[in-house]
Amino acid sequence: MPTKKASIHIILTGGTIDSYWNGTIDTATPLKESSIPLFI
């Protein structure tokens, strides 16, 4: 019987994973592009 390959799904909803800390204005600033690459 063939085994099924496991996969991981990442759902981006914004937040700190796609932003950086901007000390000048003392807040998190969103990146222009996601830091997680898109795989199709």
N, C-alpha and C. Protein backbone atom coordinates (compact mmCIF):
# COMPACT_ATOMS: atom_id res chain seq x y z
N MET A 1 0.85 -1.18 0.00
CA MET A 1 0.00 0.00 0.00
C MET A 1 0.90 1.24 0.00
N PRO A 2 0.69 2.18 -0.93
CA PRO A 2 1.51 3.40 -0.97
C PRO A 2 1.24 4.28 0.24
N THR A 3 2.29 4.95 0.69
CA THR A 3 2.11 5.86 1.82
C THR A 3 1.82 7.26 1.30
N LYS A 4 1.02 7.98 2.04
CA LYS A 4 0.65 9.34 1.65
C LYS A 4 1.69 10.31 2.20
N LYS A 5 2.18 11.21 1.35
CA LYS A 5 3.17 12.19 1.76
C LYS A 5 2.50 13.28 2.60
N ALA A 6 3.08 13.56 3.75
CA ALA A 6 2.55 14.60 4.63
C ALA A 6 2.89 15.97 4.08
N SER A 7 2.04 16.94 4.33
CA SER A 7 2.31 18.30 3.89
C SER A 7 1.95 19.28 4.99
N ILE A 8 2.57 20.44 4.91
CA ILE A 8 2.30 21.50 5.86
C ILE A 8 1.74 22.68 5.09
N HIS A 9 0.67 23.26 5.57
CA HIS A 9 0.06 24.42 4.94
C HIS A 9 0.25 25.62 5.86
N ILE A 10 0.71 26.73 5.29
CA ILE A 10 0.89 27.96 6.04
C ILE A 10 -0.10 28.98 5.50
N ILE A 11 -0.91 29.51 6.37
CA ILE A 11 -1.90 30.51 5.99
C ILE A 11 -1.44 31.85 6.57
N LEU A 12 -1.13 32.78 5.69
CA LEU A 12 -0.67 34.10 6.13
C LEU A 12 -1.86 35.02 6.34
N THR A 13 -1.93 35.59 7.50
CA THR A 13 -3.02 36.52 7.81
C THR A 13 -2.48 37.88 8.24
N GLY A 14 -1.22 38.12 7.93
CA GLY A 14 -0.58 39.37 8.35
C GLY A 14 0.06 39.20 9.71
N GLY A 15 0.51 40.26 10.28
CA GLY A 15 1.11 40.20 11.60
C GLY A 15 2.62 40.31 11.55
N THR A 16 3.27 39.91 12.63
CA THR A 16 4.70 40.16 12.77
C THR A 16 5.59 39.32 11.87
N ILE A 17 5.10 38.22 11.32
CA ILE A 17 5.95 37.41 10.44
C ILE A 17 6.24 38.14 9.14
N ASP A 18 5.38 39.04 8.72
CA ASP A 18 5.57 39.82 7.50
C ASP A 18 5.76 41.30 7.80
N SER A 19 6.48 41.60 8.87
CA SER A 19 6.77 42.99 9.19
C SER A 19 8.13 43.06 9.87
N TYR A 20 8.61 44.27 10.06
CA TYR A 20 9.87 44.48 10.77
C TYR A 20 9.67 45.61 11.77
N TRP A 21 10.52 45.63 12.80
CA TRP A 21 10.39 46.66 13.82
C TRP A 21 11.07 47.93 13.34
N ASN A 22 10.32 49.00 13.30
CA ASN A 22 10.82 50.30 12.89
C ASN A 22 10.99 51.13 14.15
N GLY A 23 12.23 51.21 14.65
CA GLY A 23 12.51 51.92 15.89
C GLY A 23 12.31 53.42 15.79
N THR A 24 12.38 53.95 14.57
CA THR A 24 12.20 55.39 14.38
C THR A 24 10.79 55.83 14.78
N ILE A 25 9.80 55.02 14.40
CA ILE A 25 8.42 55.36 14.77
C ILE A 25 7.87 54.43 15.84
N ASP A 26 8.75 53.55 16.38
CA ASP A 26 8.43 52.66 17.51
C ASP A 26 7.22 51.78 17.25
N THR A 27 7.19 51.12 16.08
CA THR A 27 6.09 50.22 15.75
C THR A 27 6.54 49.21 14.68
N ALA A 28 5.75 48.18 14.49
CA ALA A 28 6.02 47.20 13.43
C ALA A 28 5.51 47.77 12.11
N THR A 29 6.33 47.61 11.06
CA THR A 29 5.99 48.12 9.73
C THR A 29 5.88 46.93 8.78
N PRO A 30 4.79 46.79 8.02
CA PRO A 30 4.64 45.66 7.09
C PRO A 30 5.69 45.69 5.98
N LEU A 31 6.16 44.51 5.58
CA LEU A 31 7.07 44.40 4.44
C LEU A 31 6.29 44.59 3.14
N LYS A 32 6.98 45.01 2.08
CA LYS A 32 6.32 45.17 0.78
C LYS A 32 5.97 43.82 0.17
N GLU A 33 6.80 42.80 0.46
CA GLU A 33 6.54 41.43 0.00
C GLU A 33 6.65 40.49 1.19
N SER A 34 6.01 39.35 1.10
CA SER A 34 6.04 38.37 2.17
C SER A 34 7.45 37.83 2.36
N SER A 35 7.82 37.54 3.60
CA SER A 35 9.13 36.96 3.88
C SER A 35 9.11 35.45 3.65
N ILE A 36 7.94 34.88 3.45
CA ILE A 36 7.80 33.46 3.15
C ILE A 36 7.59 33.31 1.64
N PRO A 37 8.47 32.54 0.97
CA PRO A 37 8.34 32.41 -0.49
C PRO A 37 7.06 31.69 -0.90
N LEU A 38 6.56 32.03 -2.06
CA LEU A 38 5.36 31.40 -2.62
C LEU A 38 5.76 30.19 -3.46
N PHE A 39 5.22 29.04 -3.14
CA PHE A 39 5.48 27.81 -3.91
C PHE A 39 4.19 27.39 -4.57
N ILE A 40 4.27 27.17 -5.84
CA ILE A 40 3.07 26.72 -6.58
C ILE A 40 3.30 25.32 -7.07
